[in-house]
Every structure is written in structure tokens, then in C-alpha cells.
PDB file of all heavy atoms in Angstrom:
ATOM      1  N   ILE A   1     -44.838  31.535  11.331  1.00  0.00           N
ATOM      2  CA  ILE A   1     -43.658  30.767  11.572  1.00  0.00           C
ATOM      3  C   ILE A   1     -42.638  31.511  12.338  1.00  0.00           C
ATOM      4  O   ILE A   1     -42.340  32.681  11.843  1.00  0.00           O
ATOM      5  CB  ILE A   1     -43.078  30.108  10.268  1.00  0.00           C
ATOM      6  CG1 ILE A   1     -43.959  29.202   9.555  1.00  0.00           C
ATOM      7  CG2 ILE A   1     -41.687  29.617  10.480  1.00  0.00           C
ATOM      8  CD1 ILE A   1     -45.119  29.608   8.900  1.00  0.00           C
ATOM      9  N   VAL A   2     -42.117  31.132  13.413  1.00  0.00           N
ATOM     10  CA  VAL A   2     -41.080  31.862  14.155  1.00  0.00           C
ATOM     11  C   VAL A   2     -39.739  31.192  14.021  1.00  0.00           C
ATOM     12  O   VAL A   2     -39.436  30.041  14.467  1.00  0.00           O
ATOM     13  CB  VAL A   2     -41.605  31.977  15.636  1.00  0.00           C
ATOM     14  CG1 VAL A   2     -40.478  32.614  16.421  1.00  0.00           C
ATOM     15  CG2 VAL A   2     -42.875  32.593  15.931  1.00  0.00           C
ATOM     16  N   TYR A   3     -38.833  31.979  13.543  1.00  0.00           N
ATOM     17  CA  TYR A   3     -37.322  31.583  13.543  1.00  0.00           C
ATOM     18  C   TYR A   3     -36.693  32.217  14.725  1.00  0.00           C
ATOM     19  O   TYR A   3     -36.955  33.376  15.084  1.00  0.00           O
ATOM     20  CB  TYR A   3     -36.662  32.103  12.291  1.00  0.00           C
ATOM     21  CG  TYR A   3     -36.845  31.461  11.063  1.00  0.00           C
ATOM     22  CD1 TYR A   3     -37.974  31.814  10.253  1.00  0.00           C
ATOM     23  CD2 TYR A   3     -36.028  30.448  10.652  1.00  0.00           C
ATOM     24  CE1 TYR A   3     -38.187  31.109   8.979  1.00  0.00           C
ATOM     25  CE2 TYR A   3     -36.296  29.786   9.421  1.00  0.00           C
ATOM     26  CZ  TYR A   3     -37.307  30.170   8.610  1.00  0.00           C
ATOM     27  OH  TYR A   3     -37.519  29.498   7.399  1.00  0.00           O
ATOM     28  N   THR A   4     -35.901  31.414  15.432  1.00  0.00           N
ATOM     29  CA  THR A   4     -35.226  31.926  16.684  1.00  0.00           C
ATOM     30  C   THR A   4     -33.656  31.619  16.614  1.00  0.00           C
ATOM     31  O   THR A   4     -33.237  30.566  16.045  1.00  0.00           O
ATOM     32  CB  THR A   4     -35.726  31.329  17.964  1.00  0.00           C
ATOM     33  OG1 THR A   4     -35.855  29.901  17.776  1.00  0.00           O
ATOM     34  CG2 THR A   4     -37.146  31.900  18.260  1.00  0.00           C
ATOM     35  N   ALA A   5     -32.947  32.504  17.213  1.00  0.00           N
ATOM     36  CA  ALA A   5     -31.412  32.146  17.391  1.00  0.00           C
ATOM     37  C   ALA A   5     -31.002  33.133  18.585  1.00  0.00           C
ATOM     38  O   ALA A   5     -31.404  34.328  18.598  1.00  0.00           O
ATOM     39  CB  ALA A   5     -30.667  32.551  16.177  1.00  0.00           C
ATOM     40  N   HIS A   6     -30.459  32.551  19.516  1.00  0.00           N
ATOM     41  CA  HIS A   6     -30.008  33.473  20.762  1.00  0.00           C
ATOM     42  C   HIS A   6     -28.811  34.202  20.442  1.00  0.00           C
ATOM     43  O   HIS A   6     -27.836  33.731  19.859  1.00  0.00           O
ATOM     44  CB  HIS A   6     -29.832  32.544  21.925  1.00  0.00           C
ATOM     45  CG  HIS A   6     -28.647  31.737  22.010  1.00  0.00           C
ATOM     46  ND1 HIS A   6     -27.453  32.198  22.566  1.00  0.00           N
ATOM     47  CD2 HIS A   6     -28.401  30.477  21.741  1.00  0.00           C
ATOM     48  CE1 HIS A   6     -26.518  31.247  22.576  1.00  0.00           C
ATOM     49  NE2 HIS A   6     -27.066  30.105  22.001  1.00  0.00           N
ATOM     50  N   TRP A   7     -28.809  35.496  20.837  1.00  0.00           N
ATOM     51  CA  TRP A   7     -27.768  36.442  20.622  1.00  0.00           C
ATOM     52  C   TRP A   7     -26.682  36.423  21.714  1.00  0.00           C
ATOM     53  O   TRP A   7     -25.597  36.972  21.635  1.00  0.00           O
ATOM     54  CB  TRP A   7     -28.164  37.725  20.284  1.00  0.00           C
ATOM     55  CG  TRP A   7     -28.996  38.540  21.340  1.00  0.00           C
ATOM     56  CD1 TRP A   7     -30.391  38.713  21.315  1.00  0.00           C
ATOM     57  CD2 TRP A   7     -28.405  39.156  22.565  1.00  0.00           C
ATOM     58  NE1 TRP A   7     -30.798  39.391  22.383  1.00  0.00           N
ATOM     59  CE2 TRP A   7     -29.606  39.631  23.268  1.00  0.00           C
ATOM     60  CE3 TRP A   7     -27.273  39.286  23.108  1.00  0.00           C
ATOM     61  CZ2 TRP A   7     -29.527  40.257  24.492  1.00  0.00           C
ATOM     62  CZ3 TRP A   7     -27.135  39.857  24.471  1.00  0.00           C
ATOM     63  CH2 TRP A   7     -28.272  40.310  25.081  1.00  0.00           C
ATOM     64  N   ASP A   8     -27.039  35.797  22.889  1.00  0.00           N
ATOM     65  CA  ASP A   8     -26.248  36.107  24.080  1.00  0.00           C
ATOM     66  C   ASP A   8     -25.073  35.054  24.202  1.00  0.00           C
ATOM     67  O   ASP A   8     -25.258  33.968  23.705  1.00  0.00           O
ATOM     68  CB  ASP A   8     -27.224  36.152  25.327  1.00  0.00           C
ATOM     69  CG  ASP A   8     -27.747  34.583  25.624  1.00  0.00           C
ATOM     70  OD1 ASP A   8     -28.395  34.177  24.697  1.00  0.00           O
ATOM     71  OD2 ASP A   8     -27.321  33.998  26.614  1.00  0.00           O
ATOM     72  N   HIS A   9     -24.177  35.458  25.004  1.00  0.00           N
ATOM     73  CA  HIS A   9     -23.110  34.522  25.371  1.00  0.00           C
ATOM     74  C   HIS A   9     -22.663  34.894  26.867  1.00  0.00           C
ATOM     75  O   HIS A   9     -23.437  35.461  27.601  1.00  0.00           O
ATOM     76  CB  HIS A   9     -21.940  34.441  24.396  1.00  0.00           C
ATOM     77  CG  HIS A   9     -21.219  33.202  24.420  1.00  0.00           C
ATOM     78  ND1 HIS A   9     -21.835  31.887  24.238  1.00  0.00           N
ATOM     79  CD2 HIS A   9     -19.894  32.929  24.703  1.00  0.00           C
ATOM     80  CE1 HIS A   9     -20.929  31.016  24.382  1.00  0.00           C
ATOM     81  NE2 HIS A   9     -19.806  31.530  24.609  1.00  0.00           N
ATOM     82  N   PHE A  10     -21.457  34.606  27.207  1.00  0.00           N
ATOM     83  CA  PHE A  10     -21.150  34.688  28.666  1.00  0.00           C
ATOM     84  C   PHE A  10     -20.242  35.965  29.057  1.00  0.00           C
ATOM     85  O   PHE A  10     -19.741  35.933  30.091  1.00  0.00           O
ATOM     86  CB  PHE A  10     -20.258  33.515  29.059  1.00  0.00           C
ATOM     87  CG  PHE A  10     -21.149  32.155  29.163  1.00  0.00           C
ATOM     88  CD1 PHE A  10     -21.046  31.087  28.172  1.00  0.00           C
ATOM     89  CD2 PHE A  10     -22.207  32.108  30.102  1.00  0.00           C
ATOM     90  CE1 PHE A  10     -21.867  30.032  28.289  1.00  0.00           C
ATOM     91  CE2 PHE A  10     -23.016  30.933  30.225  1.00  0.00           C
ATOM     92  CZ  PHE A  10     -22.780  29.968  29.144  1.00  0.00           C
ATOM     93  N   GLY A  11     -20.024  36.795  28.024  1.00  0.00           N
ATOM     94  CA  GLY A  11     -19.460  38.097  28.523  1.00  0.00           C
ATOM     95  C   GLY A  11     -17.985  37.882  28.767  1.00  0.00           C
ATOM     96  O   GLY A  11     -17.226  37.304  27.932  1.00  0.00           O
ATOM     97  N   ILE A  12     -17.537  38.609  29.830  1.00  0.00           N
ATOM     98  CA  ILE A  12     -16.102  38.705  30.237  1.00  0.00           C
ATOM     99  C   ILE A  12     -15.890  38.051  31.538  1.00  0.00           C
ATOM    100  O   ILE A  12     -16.596  38.314  32.540  1.00  0.00           O
ATOM    101  CB  ILE A  12     -15.604  40.161  30.081  1.00  0.00           C
ATOM    102  CG1 ILE A  12     -15.908  40.799  28.810  1.00  0.00           C
ATOM    103  CG2 ILE A  12     -14.148  40.291  30.534  1.00  0.00           C
ATOM    104  CD1 ILE A  12     -15.653  42.232  28.780  1.00  0.00           C
ATOM    105  N   ASP A  13     -14.738  37.443  31.616  1.00  0.00           N
ATOM    106  CA  ASP A  13     -14.227  36.943  33.014  1.00  0.00           C
ATOM    107  C   ASP A  13     -12.921  37.519  33.298  1.00  0.00           C
ATOM    108  O   ASP A  13     -11.831  37.077  32.786  1.00  0.00           O
ATOM    109  CB  ASP A  13     -14.203  35.347  33.056  1.00  0.00           C
ATOM    110  CG  ASP A  13     -14.004  35.011  34.437  1.00  0.00           C
ATOM    111  OD1 ASP A  13     -13.486  35.698  35.289  1.00  0.00           O
ATOM    112  OD2 ASP A  13     -13.904  33.670  34.569  1.00  0.00           O
ATOM    113  N   GLU A  14     -12.887  38.597  33.990  1.00  0.00           N
ATOM    114  CA  GLU A  14     -11.641  39.341  34.149  1.00  0.00           C
ATOM    115  C   GLU A  14     -10.634  38.550  35.171  1.00  0.00           C
ATOM    116  O   GLU A  14      -9.541  39.036  35.351  1.00  0.00           O
ATOM    117  CB  GLU A  14     -11.848  40.760  34.706  1.00  0.00           C
ATOM    118  CG  GLU A  14     -12.726  41.530  33.704  1.00  0.00           C
ATOM    119  CD  GLU A  14     -12.838  42.952  34.197  1.00  0.00           C
ATOM    120  OE1 GLU A  14     -12.863  43.267  35.413  1.00  0.00           O
ATOM    121  OE2 GLU A  14     -13.118  43.910  33.343  1.00  0.00           O
ATOM    122  N   SER A  15     -11.104  37.509  35.807  1.00  0.00           N
ATOM    123  CA  SER A  15     -10.148  36.761  36.668  1.00  0.00           C
ATOM    124  C   SER A  15      -9.388  35.877  35.785  1.00  0.00           C
ATOM    125  O   SER A  15      -8.338  35.274  36.410  1.00  0.00           O
ATOM    126  CB  SER A  15     -11.014  35.946  37.679  1.00  0.00           C
ATOM    127  OG  SER A  15     -11.757  34.842  37.039  1.00  0.00           O
ATOM    128  N   LEU A  16      -9.507  35.676  34.557  1.00  0.00           N
ATOM    129  CA  LEU A  16      -8.741  34.716  33.818  1.00  0.00           C
ATOM    130  C   LEU A  16      -7.384  35.436  33.327  1.00  0.00           C
ATOM    131  O   LEU A  16      -7.393  36.638  33.284  1.00  0.00           O
ATOM    132  CB  LEU A  16      -9.505  34.385  32.407  1.00  0.00           C
ATOM    133  CG  LEU A  16     -10.837  33.617  32.579  1.00  0.00           C
ATOM    134  CD1 LEU A  16     -11.449  33.441  31.286  1.00  0.00           C
ATOM    135  CD2 LEU A  16     -10.579  32.221  33.172  1.00  0.00           C
ATOM    136  N   PRO A  17      -6.383  34.650  33.226  1.00  0.00           N
ATOM    137  CA  PRO A  17      -5.089  35.185  32.856  1.00  0.00           C
ATOM    138  C   PRO A  17      -5.044  35.671  31.527  1.00  0.00           C
ATOM    139  O   PRO A  17      -5.753  35.368  30.687  1.00  0.00           O
ATOM    140  CB  PRO A  17      -4.101  34.053  33.166  1.00  0.00           C
ATOM    141  CG  PRO A  17      -4.923  32.865  32.929  1.00  0.00           C
ATOM    142  CD  PRO A  17      -6.288  33.087  33.459  1.00  0.00           C
ATOM    143  N   GLY A  18      -3.946  36.511  31.166  1.00  0.00           N
ATOM    144  CA  GLY A  18      -3.665  36.919  29.905  1.00  0.00           C
ATOM    145  C   GLY A  18      -4.323  38.214  29.436  1.00  0.00           C
ATOM    146  O   GLY A  18      -5.045  38.795  30.282  1.00  0.00           O
ATOM    147  N   PRO A  19      -4.224  38.651  28.199  1.00  0.00           N
ATOM    148  CA  PRO A  19      -4.887  39.898  27.709  1.00  0.00           C
ATOM    149  C   PRO A  19      -6.368  39.811  27.653  1.00  0.00           C
ATOM    150  O   PRO A  19      -6.969  38.772  27.803  1.00  0.00           O
ATOM    151  CB  PRO A  19      -4.221  40.164  26.362  1.00  0.00           C
ATOM    152  CG  PRO A  19      -3.838  38.717  25.929  1.00  0.00           C
ATOM    153  CD  PRO A  19      -3.390  37.915  27.167  1.00  0.00           C
ATOM    154  N   ARG A  20      -6.898  40.956  27.569  1.00  0.00           N
ATOM    155  CA  ARG A  20      -8.411  41.070  27.580  1.00  0.00           C
ATOM    156  C   ARG A  20      -9.076  40.217  26.604  1.00  0.00           C
ATOM    157  O   ARG A  20      -9.996  39.622  26.905  1.00  0.00           O
ATOM    158  CB  ARG A  20      -8.857  42.502  27.323  1.00  0.00           C
ATOM    159  CG  ARG A  20     -10.327  42.735  27.591  1.00  0.00           C
ATOM    160  CD  ARG A  20     -10.705  44.218  27.708  1.00  0.00           C
ATOM    161  NE  ARG A  20     -12.143  44.482  27.939  1.00  0.00           N
ATOM    162  CZ  ARG A  20     -12.706  44.279  29.112  1.00  0.00           C
ATOM    163  NH1 ARG A  20     -11.908  44.033  30.165  1.00  0.00           N
ATOM    164  NH2 ARG A  20     -13.995  44.721  29.265  1.00  0.00           N
ATOM    165  N   THR A  21      -8.531  40.085  25.338  1.00  0.00           N
ATOM    166  CA  THR A  21      -9.178  39.251  24.336  1.00  0.00           C
ATOM    167  C   THR A  21      -9.229  37.752  24.791  1.00  0.00           C
ATOM    168  O   THR A  21     -10.154  36.966  24.445  1.00  0.00           O
ATOM    169  CB  THR A  21      -8.375  39.276  23.077  1.00  0.00           C
ATOM    170  OG1 THR A  21      -9.186  38.606  22.039  1.00  0.00           O
ATOM    171  CG2 THR A  21      -6.958  38.602  23.150  1.00  0.00           C
ATOM    172  N   GLN A  22      -8.402  37.337  25.807  1.00  0.00           N
ATOM    173  CA  GLN A  22      -8.427  35.972  26.201  1.00  0.00           C
ATOM    174  C   GLN A  22      -9.352  35.820  27.506  1.00  0.00           C
ATOM    175  O   GLN A  22      -9.235  34.677  28.155  1.00  0.00           O
ATOM    176  CB  GLN A  22      -7.070  35.441  26.588  1.00  0.00           C
ATOM    177  CG  GLN A  22      -6.067  35.202  25.386  1.00  0.00           C
ATOM    178  CD  GLN A  22      -4.693  34.972  25.658  1.00  0.00           C
ATOM    179  OE1 GLN A  22      -4.322  34.500  26.765  1.00  0.00           O
ATOM    180  NE2 GLN A  22      -3.826  35.118  24.638  1.00  0.00           N
ATOM    181  N   GLN A  23     -10.012  36.985  27.900  1.00  0.00           N
ATOM    182  CA  GLN A  23     -10.845  36.871  29.021  1.00  0.00           C
ATOM    183  C   GLN A  23     -12.360  36.999  28.497  1.00  0.00           C
ATOM    184  O   GLN A  23     -13.303  36.894  29.198  1.00  0.00           O
ATOM    185  CB  GLN A  23     -10.609  38.071  29.905  1.00  0.00           C
ATOM    186  CG  GLN A  23      -9.187  38.079  30.551  1.00  0.00           C
ATOM    187  CD  GLN A  23      -9.026  39.404  31.333  1.00  0.00           C
ATOM    188  OE1 GLN A  23      -9.442  40.486  30.969  1.00  0.00           O
ATOM    189  NE2 GLN A  23      -8.179  39.272  32.383  1.00  0.00           N
ATOM    190  N   ILE A  24     -12.524  37.159  27.096  1.00  0.00           N
ATOM    191  CA  ILE A  24     -13.750  37.299  26.515  1.00  0.00           C
ATOM    192  C   ILE A  24     -14.423  35.946  25.974  1.00  0.00           C
ATOM    193  O   ILE A  24     -13.595  35.354  25.230  1.00  0.00           O
ATOM    194  CB  ILE A  24     -13.759  38.391  25.474  1.00  0.00           C
ATOM    195  CG1 ILE A  24     -13.294  39.797  25.927  1.00  0.00           C
ATOM    196  CG2 ILE A  24     -15.161  38.411  24.625  1.00  0.00           C
ATOM    197  CD1 ILE A  24     -13.072  40.773  24.822  1.00  0.00           C
ATOM    198  N   PHE A  25     -15.605  35.677  26.304  1.00  0.00           N
ATOM    199  CA  PHE A  25     -16.173  34.493  25.801  1.00  0.00           C
ATOM    200  C   PHE A  25     -16.836  34.996  24.514  1.00  0.00           C
ATOM    201  O   PHE A  25     -18.022  35.547  24.533  1.00  0.00           O
ATOM    202  CB  PHE A  25     -17.200  33.929  26.756  1.00  0.00           C
ATOM    203  CG  PHE A  25     -16.643  33.320  27.895  1.00  0.00           C
ATOM    204  CD1 PHE A  25     -16.207  34.089  29.087  1.00  0.00           C
ATOM    205  CD2 PHE A  25     -16.528  31.837  28.006  1.00  0.00           C
ATOM    206  CE1 PHE A  25     -15.525  33.379  30.177  1.00  0.00           C
ATOM    207  CE2 PHE A  25     -15.872  31.277  29.178  1.00  0.00           C
ATOM    208  CZ  PHE A  25     -15.464  32.056  30.181  1.00  0.00           C
TER     209      PHE A  25
END
């Protein structure tokens, strides 16, 4: 039986305004 869950997301978009925490997905 195989359980799966994806660990990935979209990383960082440094073009977004604001501090770094608001650029992180």
C-alpha cells in the first residue's frame, strides 16, 4: 500500500513587494 503526499511548493518570487516573508510561497 503506497501513501503519498507531495512536499514541494512554489518557492520564492523576489519580484513581489514587501519583506522576504511576503515573497515566499
